[in-house]
Amino acid sequence: MAARTTENIKLADLIRQNVESMAFPPSEIEAATYEEVSALPRVVVSRPPAEELLATGFVHYDCHRNCGEQAANDPDGNSRQVTGWLPHGEDLILHSVVMIENQWICLTPQLVPAPNRFEFIPDPHLEWRNADGGATRTAFRHGNEVPKALRRDPGHHIRMRDEFQALVARGHSVIEARNLIATSAFRRSKVGSE
């Protein structure tokens, strides 16, 4: 029971972080980057079972560190970290995977069940720069720091954040609020497409 409670707390924290991180103000750079990245070729990536990844020491939702450590600690030098974009609905999420002997592999375990194969957009224009005296690394593209996601409709995410916060303020749990928003967003998209 304690493990389930800890997992729910982690999930609730992750939901809060994701809602906030996707509600940043729109910019012309984001819109132009979204169009450019959307046109890049995609590859198919495999993800081993979460239990295997966790047993190996990889960390939930820390893809850049997981892949960087794999590349740095591969005794044969066959692993290469590749940063790009994970298509998620109409959005593109900054993500890292590794290429090991021509195989694309995701080393990041998920708390929520996720497909074991997915599309990924390698981005050759991304570069990592050290910050905070080397304590952190930040992704840049054409000299501009990139956000953690590129959104097709930034206003949608800002409205979702506001609705999420209102639901939580009215007493819904974080998980309930997320589920209510997902259901209402799905209903709105179905109505708009009919």
Protein backbone atom coordinates (compact mmCIF):
# COMPACT_ATOMS: atom_id res chain seq x y z
CA MET A 1 0.00 0.00 0.00
CA ALA A 2 2.84 2.42 0.84
CA ALA A 3 4.44 1.84 -2.58
CA ARG A 4 1.12 2.69 -4.28
CA THR A 5 0.81 5.90 -2.22
CA THR A 6 4.37 6.92 -3.10
CA GLU A 7 3.65 6.23 -6.76
CA ASN A 8 0.46 8.36 -6.61
CA ILE A 9 2.40 11.22 -5.00
CA LYS A 10 5.04 11.02 -7.74
CA LEU A 11 2.31 10.93 -10.38
CA ALA A 12 0.52 13.95 -8.85
CA ASP A 13 3.80 15.89 -8.74
CA LEU A 14 4.51 14.95 -12.35
CA ILE A 15 1.03 16.09 -13.45
CA ARG A 16 1.48 19.46 -11.72
CA GLN A 17 4.91 19.94 -13.30
CA ASN A 18 3.65 19.00 -16.77
CA VAL A 19 0.62 21.30 -16.58
CA GLU A 20 2.80 24.25 -15.54
CA SER A 21 5.66 23.50 -17.93
CA MET A 22 3.32 23.43 -20.94
CA ALA A 23 1.65 26.80 -20.14
CA PHE A 24 4.53 29.15 -20.98
CA PRO A 25 3.86 32.22 -23.17
CA PRO A 26 3.88 31.68 -26.96
CA SER A 27 6.62 33.13 -29.18
CA GLU A 28 7.41 33.48 -32.87
CA ILE A 29 10.56 31.40 -32.34
CA GLU A 30 8.50 28.53 -30.92
CA ALA A 31 6.06 28.67 -33.86
CA ALA A 32 8.85 28.73 -36.47
CA THR A 33 10.76 25.93 -34.70
CA TYR A 34 7.59 23.83 -34.49
CA GLU A 35 7.10 24.09 -38.27
CA GLU A 36 10.76 23.31 -39.01
CA VAL A 37 10.95 20.33 -36.63
CA SER A 38 7.62 18.91 -37.86
CA ALA A 39 9.17 18.54 -41.31
CA LEU A 40 12.20 16.53 -40.08
CA PRO A 41 12.32 12.75 -40.67
CA ARG A 42 11.09 10.42 -37.95
CA VAL A 43 12.47 7.14 -36.66
CA VAL A 44 10.91 4.36 -34.59
CA VAL A 45 12.31 3.92 -31.08
CA SER A 46 11.94 0.88 -28.80
CA ARG A 47 11.51 1.14 -25.03
CA PRO A 48 12.40 -1.86 -22.83
CA PRO A 49 10.02 -2.67 -19.95
CA ALA A 50 10.10 -0.13 -17.10
CA GLU A 51 11.14 -2.81 -14.59
CA GLU A 52 14.28 -3.58 -16.62
CA LEU A 53 15.16 0.10 -16.96
CA LEU A 54 14.68 0.77 -13.24
CA ALA A 55 16.73 -2.32 -12.31
CA THR A 56 19.55 -0.99 -14.48
CA GLY A 57 19.50 2.30 -12.60
CA PHE A 58 17.70 4.56 -15.05
CA VAL A 59 15.40 7.20 -13.56
CA HIS A 60 11.76 8.04 -14.31
CA TYR A 61 11.37 11.02 -16.66
CA ASP A 62 15.05 11.99 -16.72
CA CYS A 63 15.79 11.05 -20.32
CA HIS A 64 18.65 13.47 -20.95
CA ARG A 65 20.58 12.27 -17.89
CA ASN A 66 19.77 8.60 -18.54
CA CYS A 67 21.03 8.77 -22.12
CA GLY A 68 24.02 10.97 -21.31
CA GLU A 69 25.17 8.54 -18.63
CA GLN A 70 24.67 5.55 -20.94
CA ALA A 71 26.81 7.18 -23.63
CA ALA A 72 29.48 8.29 -21.16
CA ASN A 73 29.69 4.91 -19.39
CA ASP A 74 29.46 2.53 -22.36
CA PRO A 75 32.78 0.61 -22.18
CA ASP A 76 32.58 -0.28 -25.88
CA GLY A 77 31.69 3.25 -26.98
CA ASN A 78 28.69 1.99 -28.98
CA SER A 79 26.10 4.26 -27.32
CA ARG A 80 25.35 7.75 -28.59
CA GLN A 81 22.86 10.16 -27.01
CA VAL A 82 20.48 11.66 -29.59
CA THR A 83 18.25 14.55 -28.60
CA GLY A 84 15.16 15.44 -30.53
CA TRP A 85 11.40 15.56 -30.19
CA LEU A 86 8.78 13.08 -29.05
CA PRO A 87 5.46 13.67 -30.85
CA HIS A 88 2.69 13.79 -28.24
CA GLY A 89 -0.66 14.57 -29.83
CA GLU A 90 -0.04 17.81 -31.70
CA ASP A 91 2.88 18.81 -29.46
CA LEU A 92 6.57 17.93 -29.64
CA ILE A 93 8.32 17.13 -26.34
CA LEU A 94 12.10 17.56 -25.99
CA HIS A 95 13.45 14.05 -25.46
CA SER A 96 16.67 12.07 -25.58
CA VAL A 97 17.19 8.47 -26.66
CA VAL A 98 20.31 6.46 -27.42
CA MET A 99 21.45 4.87 -30.59
CA ILE A 100 23.28 1.63 -29.88
CA GLU A 101 24.63 -0.18 -32.94
CA ASN A 102 22.00 1.37 -35.25
CA GLN A 103 19.11 0.65 -32.85
CA TRP A 104 17.07 3.53 -31.43
CA ILE A 105 16.34 2.86 -27.73
CA CYS A 106 14.54 4.89 -25.05
CA LEU A 107 16.10 4.36 -21.62
CA THR A 108 13.52 6.31 -19.63
CA PRO A 109 11.01 4.39 -17.48
CA GLN A 110 7.50 5.84 -17.25
CA LEU A 111 5.11 5.94 -14.29
CA VAL A 112 2.12 5.73 -16.63
CA PRO A 113 2.03 2.80 -19.06
CA ALA A 114 3.52 3.88 -22.39
CA PRO A 115 3.96 2.16 -25.75
CA ASN A 116 7.12 0.08 -26.13
CA ARG A 117 7.60 1.52 -29.65
CA PHE A 118 7.05 5.13 -30.68
CA GLU A 119 8.04 7.73 -33.26
CA PHE A 120 10.87 10.14 -32.51
CA ILE A 121 12.26 13.11 -34.44
CA PRO A 122 16.07 13.33 -34.15
CA ASP A 123 17.07 17.00 -34.36
CA PRO A 124 20.59 17.58 -35.69
CA HIS A 125 20.35 21.29 -34.84
CA LEU A 126 20.13 20.77 -31.07
CA GLU A 127 23.22 21.24 -28.93
CA TRP A 128 23.78 20.99 -25.20
CA ARG A 129 25.55 23.79 -23.33
CA ASN A 130 26.76 23.67 -19.74
CA ALA A 131 25.20 26.11 -17.28
CA ASP A 132 25.67 26.85 -13.58
CA GLY A 133 29.39 26.06 -13.78
CA GLY A 134 28.66 22.69 -15.39
CA ALA A 135 26.01 21.64 -12.84
CA THR A 136 23.24 21.66 -15.45
CA ARG A 137 22.98 21.44 -19.20
CA THR A 138 20.61 23.41 -21.41
CA ALA A 139 19.49 22.59 -24.97
CA PHE A 140 19.95 25.21 -27.68
CA ARG A 141 18.89 25.29 -31.33
CA HIS A 142 20.33 27.86 -33.77
CA GLY A 143 21.64 29.84 -30.79
CA ASN A 144 18.29 29.98 -28.96
CA GLU A 145 17.49 28.10 -25.76
CA VAL A 146 14.68 25.67 -26.52
CA PRO A 147 11.67 25.04 -24.30
CA LYS A 148 10.86 21.55 -23.03
CA ALA A 149 8.10 21.36 -25.65
CA LEU A 150 6.98 22.89 -28.90
CA ARG A 151 3.21 23.42 -28.97
CA ARG A 152 0.98 23.70 -32.01
CA ASP A 153 -1.60 25.64 -29.94
CA PRO A 154 0.01 27.39 -26.94
CA GLY A 155 -3.28 29.05 -25.94
CA HIS A 156 -4.86 25.62 -25.46
CA HIS A 157 -2.24 24.70 -22.85
CA ILE A 158 -2.64 28.01 -21.03
CA ARG A 159 -6.44 27.50 -20.85
CA MET A 160 -5.92 23.89 -19.68
CA ARG A 161 -3.61 25.08 -16.89
CA ASP A 162 -6.17 27.64 -15.75
CA GLU A 163 -8.97 25.04 -15.81
CA PHE A 164 -6.74 22.54 -13.94
CA GLN A 165 -5.93 25.07 -11.21
CA ALA A 166 -9.63 25.96 -10.84
CA LEU A 167 -10.60 22.28 -10.45
CA VAL A 168 -7.92 21.70 -7.80
CA ALA A 169 -9.01 24.89 -5.98
CA ARG A 170 -12.58 23.50 -5.92
CA GLY A 171 -11.36 20.38 -4.11
CA HIS A 172 -10.59 17.88 -6.88
CA SER A 173 -7.41 15.84 -6.50
CA VAL A 174 -4.66 16.51 -9.00
CA ILE A 175 -5.34 13.18 -10.71
CA GLU A 176 -9.10 13.83 -10.86
CA ALA A 177 -8.51 17.31 -12.30
CA ARG A 178 -6.19 15.89 -14.95
CA ASN A 179 -8.78 13.24 -15.89
CA LEU A 180 -11.63 15.78 -16.05
CA ILE A 181 -9.60 18.06 -18.31
CA ALA A 182 -8.57 15.16 -20.54
CA THR A 183 -12.21 14.11 -20.89
CA SER A 184 -13.49 17.65 -21.54
CA ALA A 185 -10.64 18.36 -24.01
CA PHE A 186 -11.47 15.12 -25.82
CA ARG A 187 -15.16 16.06 -25.97
CA ARG A 188 -14.36 19.57 -27.27
CA SER A 189 -12.04 18.17 -29.96
CA LYS A 190 -14.69 15.65 -31.09
CA VAL A 191 -17.39 18.34 -31.26
CA GLY A 192 -15.10 20.66 -33.18
CA SER A 193 -14.22 17.95 -35.70
CA GLU A 194 -17.80 16.93 -36.48
